C-alpha cells in the first residue's frame, strides 16, 4: 500500500485522518487525529493539545495487536511529556518520540 506523504507540515484546529498516510516531522496543534485499522507512519512529529479517535480491533490471542496499541499509547504519552516540558521551559524534542512501527510495504509516495 502506498502512503500519501506529508513532510514538515503544520496542522492546526482540524480533523486529520492518520490512516493511509505518512507524516514526517509534522506538527499537530489542537487537532483531532483519527486512526483506523490500516497502515500509517508517524516519524518525528509533535503533538500539542490533540485528541485521538482510535478505532481499532484488538484480536484475541494476537500479540501483534497488543504490541501495536501499546506503541501508539507510548507515543502519545511521550508527546504529552514533551509538551509539558516545553510549557515548563524544559527541552522537548519531537525527534525523541519514537516513530510508529505500523507502516509496511514500499513506503510513502512523494
C-alpha atoms as a PDB file:
ATOM      1  CA  UNK A   1       0.000   0.000   0.000  1.00  0.00           C
ATOM      2  CA  UNK A   2       1.337   3.410  -0.943  1.00  0.00           C
ATOM      3  CA  UNK A   3       1.018   6.135   1.667  1.00  0.00           C
ATOM      4  CA  UNK A   4       0.402   9.805   0.988  1.00  0.00           C
ATOM      5  CA  UNK A   5       3.438  11.646   2.351  1.00  0.00           C
ATOM      6  CA  UNK A   6       3.283  14.860   4.402  1.00  0.00           C
ATOM      7  CA  UNK A   7       6.625  16.311   5.424  1.00  0.00           C
ATOM      8  CA  UNK A   8       7.250  19.355   7.605  1.00  0.00           C
ATOM      9  CA  UNK A   9       3.597  20.440   7.547  1.00  0.00           C
ATOM     10  CA  UNK A  10       1.687  22.072  10.401  1.00  0.00           C
ATOM     11  CA  UNK A  11      -1.914  21.106  11.071  1.00  0.00           C
ATOM     12  CA  UNK A  12      -3.976  23.397  13.336  1.00  0.00           C
ATOM     13  CA  UNK A  13      -7.511  23.056  14.659  1.00  0.00           C
ATOM     14  CA  UNK A  14      -8.570  20.423  12.180  1.00  0.00           C
ATOM     15  CA  UNK A  15      -9.541  16.789  11.942  1.00  0.00           C
ATOM     16  CA  UNK A  16      -6.704  14.777  10.413  1.00  0.00           C
ATOM     17  CA  UNK A  17      -7.141  11.198   9.222  1.00  0.00           C
ATOM     18  CA  UNK A  18      -3.848   9.470  10.025  1.00  0.00           C
ATOM     19  CA  UNK A  19      -4.658   6.150   8.367  1.00  0.00           C
ATOM     20  CA  UNK A  20      -3.203   5.592   4.910  1.00  0.00           C
ATOM     21  CA  UNK A  21      -0.769   8.479   5.266  1.00  0.00           C
ATOM     22  CA  UNK A  22       2.821   9.138   6.301  1.00  0.00           C
ATOM     23  CA  UNK A  23       3.639  12.175   8.445  1.00  0.00           C
ATOM     24  CA  UNK A  24       7.307  13.083   8.799  1.00  0.00           C
ATOM     25  CA  UNK A  25       8.380  15.928  11.099  1.00  0.00           C
ATOM     26  CA  UNK A  26       4.877  17.401  11.101  1.00  0.00           C
ATOM     27  CA  UNK A  27       3.270  19.472  13.845  1.00  0.00           C
ATOM     28  CA  UNK A  28      -0.262  18.882  15.067  1.00  0.00           C
ATOM     29  CA  UNK A  29      -1.776  21.641  17.201  1.00  0.00           C
ATOM     30  CA  UNK A  30      -5.244  21.309  18.768  1.00  0.00           C
ATOM     31  CA  UNK A  31      -6.257  18.685  16.218  1.00  0.00           C
ATOM     32  CA  UNK A  32      -8.473  15.640  16.359  1.00  0.00           C
ATOM     33  CA  UNK A  33      -6.449  12.751  14.987  1.00  0.00           C
ATOM     34  CA  UNK A  34      -8.474   9.858  13.580  1.00  0.00           C
ATOM     35  CA  UNK A  35      -6.798   6.470  13.370  1.00  0.00           C
ATOM     36  CA  UNK A  36      -8.469   3.431  11.878  1.00  0.00           C
ATOM     37  CA  UNK A  37      -7.147  -0.040  11.231  1.00  0.00           C
ATOM     38  CA  UNK A  38      -4.855   0.434   8.282  1.00  0.00           C
ATOM     39  CA  UNK A  39      -1.246   1.220   7.537  1.00  0.00           C
ATOM     40  CA  UNK A  40       0.172   4.600   8.577  1.00  0.00           C
ATOM     41  CA  UNK A  41       3.508   6.122   9.547  1.00  0.00           C
ATOM     42  CA  UNK A  42       4.406   8.880  12.036  1.00  0.00           C
ATOM     43  CA  UNK A  43       8.031   9.974  12.370  1.00  0.00           C
ATOM     44  CA  UNK A  44       9.484  12.893  14.308  1.00  0.00           C
ATOM     45  CA  UNK A  45       6.092  14.575  14.700  1.00  0.00           C
ATOM     46  CA  UNK A  46       4.977  16.808  17.553  1.00  0.00           C
ATOM     47  CA  UNK A  47       1.513  16.879  19.097  1.00  0.00           C
ATOM     48  CA  UNK A  48       0.133  19.745  21.160  1.00  0.00           C
ATOM     49  CA  UNK A  49      -3.311  19.537  22.766  1.00  0.00           C
ATOM     50  CA  UNK A  50      -4.545  16.908  20.308  1.00  0.00           C
ATOM     51  CA  UNK A  51      -7.391  14.483  20.825  1.00  0.00           C
ATOM     52  CA  UNK A  52      -7.171  10.980  19.422  1.00  0.00           C
ATOM     53  CA  UNK A  53     -10.053   8.977  17.975  1.00  0.00           C
ATOM     54  CA  UNK A  54      -8.797   5.397  17.700  1.00  0.00           C
ATOM     55  CA  UNK A  55     -10.966   2.747  16.043  1.00  0.00           C
ATOM     56  CA  UNK A  56      -9.026  -0.480  16.408  1.00  0.00           C
ATOM     57  CA  UNK A  57      -9.952  -4.143  16.761  1.00  0.00           C
ATOM     58  CA  UNK A  58      -7.637  -5.982  19.148  1.00  0.00           C
ATOM     59  CA  UNK A  59      -7.711  -9.598  18.066  1.00  0.00           C
ATOM     60  CA  UNK A  60      -7.878 -12.152  20.855  1.00  0.00           C
ATOM     61  CA  UNK A  61      -4.632 -14.065  21.101  1.00  0.00           C
ATOM     62  CA  UNK A  62      -2.745 -11.677  18.812  1.00  0.00           C
ATOM     63  CA  UNK A  63       0.433 -10.342  20.445  1.00  0.00           C
ATOM     64  CA  UNK A  64       0.890  -8.082  17.395  1.00  0.00           C
ATOM     65  CA  UNK A  65      -2.402  -6.258  18.105  1.00  0.00           C
ATOM     66  CA  UNK A  66      -1.359  -5.613  21.694  1.00  0.00           C
ATOM     67  CA  UNK A  67       2.142  -4.520  20.637  1.00  0.00           C
ATOM     68  CA  UNK A  68       0.728  -2.025  18.102  1.00  0.00           C
ATOM     69  CA  UNK A  69      -1.713  -0.384  20.529  1.00  0.00           C
ATOM     70  CA  UNK A  70       0.976  -0.203  23.233  1.00  0.00           C
ATOM     71  CA  UNK A  71       3.351   1.508  20.788  1.00  0.00           C
ATOM     72  CA  UNK A  72       0.652   4.056  19.931  1.00  0.00           C
ATOM     73  CA  UNK A  73      -0.143   4.765  23.586  1.00  0.00           C
ATOM     74  CA  UNK A  74       3.585   5.059  24.338  1.00  0.00           C
ATOM     75  CA  UNK A  75       3.995   7.608  21.549  1.00  0.00           C
ATOM     76  CA  UNK A  76       1.036   9.652  22.846  1.00  0.00           C
ATOM     77  CA  UNK A  77       2.417   9.555  26.407  1.00  0.00           C
ATOM     78  CA  UNK A  78       5.854  10.695  25.207  1.00  0.00           C
ATOM     79  CA  UNK A  79       4.286  13.571  23.254  1.00  0.00           C
ATOM     80  CA  UNK A  80       2.380  14.682  26.356  1.00  0.00           C
ATOM     81  CA  UNK A  81       5.526  14.603  28.491  1.00  0.00           C
ATOM     82  CA  UNK A  82       7.416  16.675  25.936  1.00  0.00           C
ATOM     83  CA  UNK A  83       4.557  19.170  25.686  1.00  0.00           C
ATOM     84  CA  UNK A  84       4.563  19.570  29.478  1.00  0.00           C
ATOM     85  CA  UNK A  85       8.339  20.032  29.472  1.00  0.00           C
ATOM     86  CA  UNK A  86       8.100  22.696  26.773  1.00  0.00           C
ATOM     87  CA  UNK A  87       5.414  24.556  28.742  1.00  0.00           C
ATOM     88  CA  UNK A  88       7.645  24.463  31.816  1.00  0.00           C
ATOM     89  CA  UNK A  89      10.584  25.820  29.821  1.00  0.00           C
ATOM     90  CA  UNK A  90      12.426  22.499  29.573  1.00  0.00           C
ATOM     91  CA  UNK A  91      13.715  20.790  26.485  1.00  0.00           C
ATOM     92  CA  UNK A  92      11.303  18.773  24.431  1.00  0.00           C
ATOM     93  CA  UNK A  93      12.334  17.373  21.087  1.00  0.00           C
ATOM     94  CA  UNK A  94       9.920  15.657  18.704  1.00  0.00           C
ATOM     95  CA  UNK A  95      12.833  13.553  17.424  1.00  0.00           C
ATOM     96  CA  UNK A  96      12.722  11.756  20.785  1.00  0.00           C
ATOM     97  CA  UNK A  97       9.205  10.489  20.074  1.00  0.00           C
ATOM     98  CA  UNK A  98       9.574   7.027  18.599  1.00  0.00           C
ATOM     99  CA  UNK A  99       8.200   6.517  15.117  1.00  0.00           C
ATOM    100  CA  UNK A 100       5.312   4.103  14.789  1.00  0.00           C
ATOM    101  CA  UNK A 101       6.003   0.582  13.572  1.00  0.00           C
ATOM    102  CA  UNK A 102       2.810   0.240  11.547  1.00  0.00           C
ATOM    103  CA  UNK A 103       3.936   1.202   8.062  1.00  0.00           C
ATOM    104  CA  UNK A 104       4.897  -1.658   5.823  1.00  0.00           C
ATOM    105  CA  UNK A 105       5.431  -2.071   2.129  1.00  0.00           C
ATOM    106  CA  UNK A 106       7.248   0.287  -0.210  1.00  0.00           C
ATOM    107  CA  UNK A 107       6.844   3.415   1.949  1.00  0.00           C
ATOM    108  CA  UNK A 108       5.354   6.845   1.363  1.00  0.00           C
ATOM    109  CA  UNK A 109       4.869   8.337  -2.076  1.00  0.00           C
ATOM    110  CA  UNK A 110       6.350  11.688  -2.944  1.00  0.00           C
END
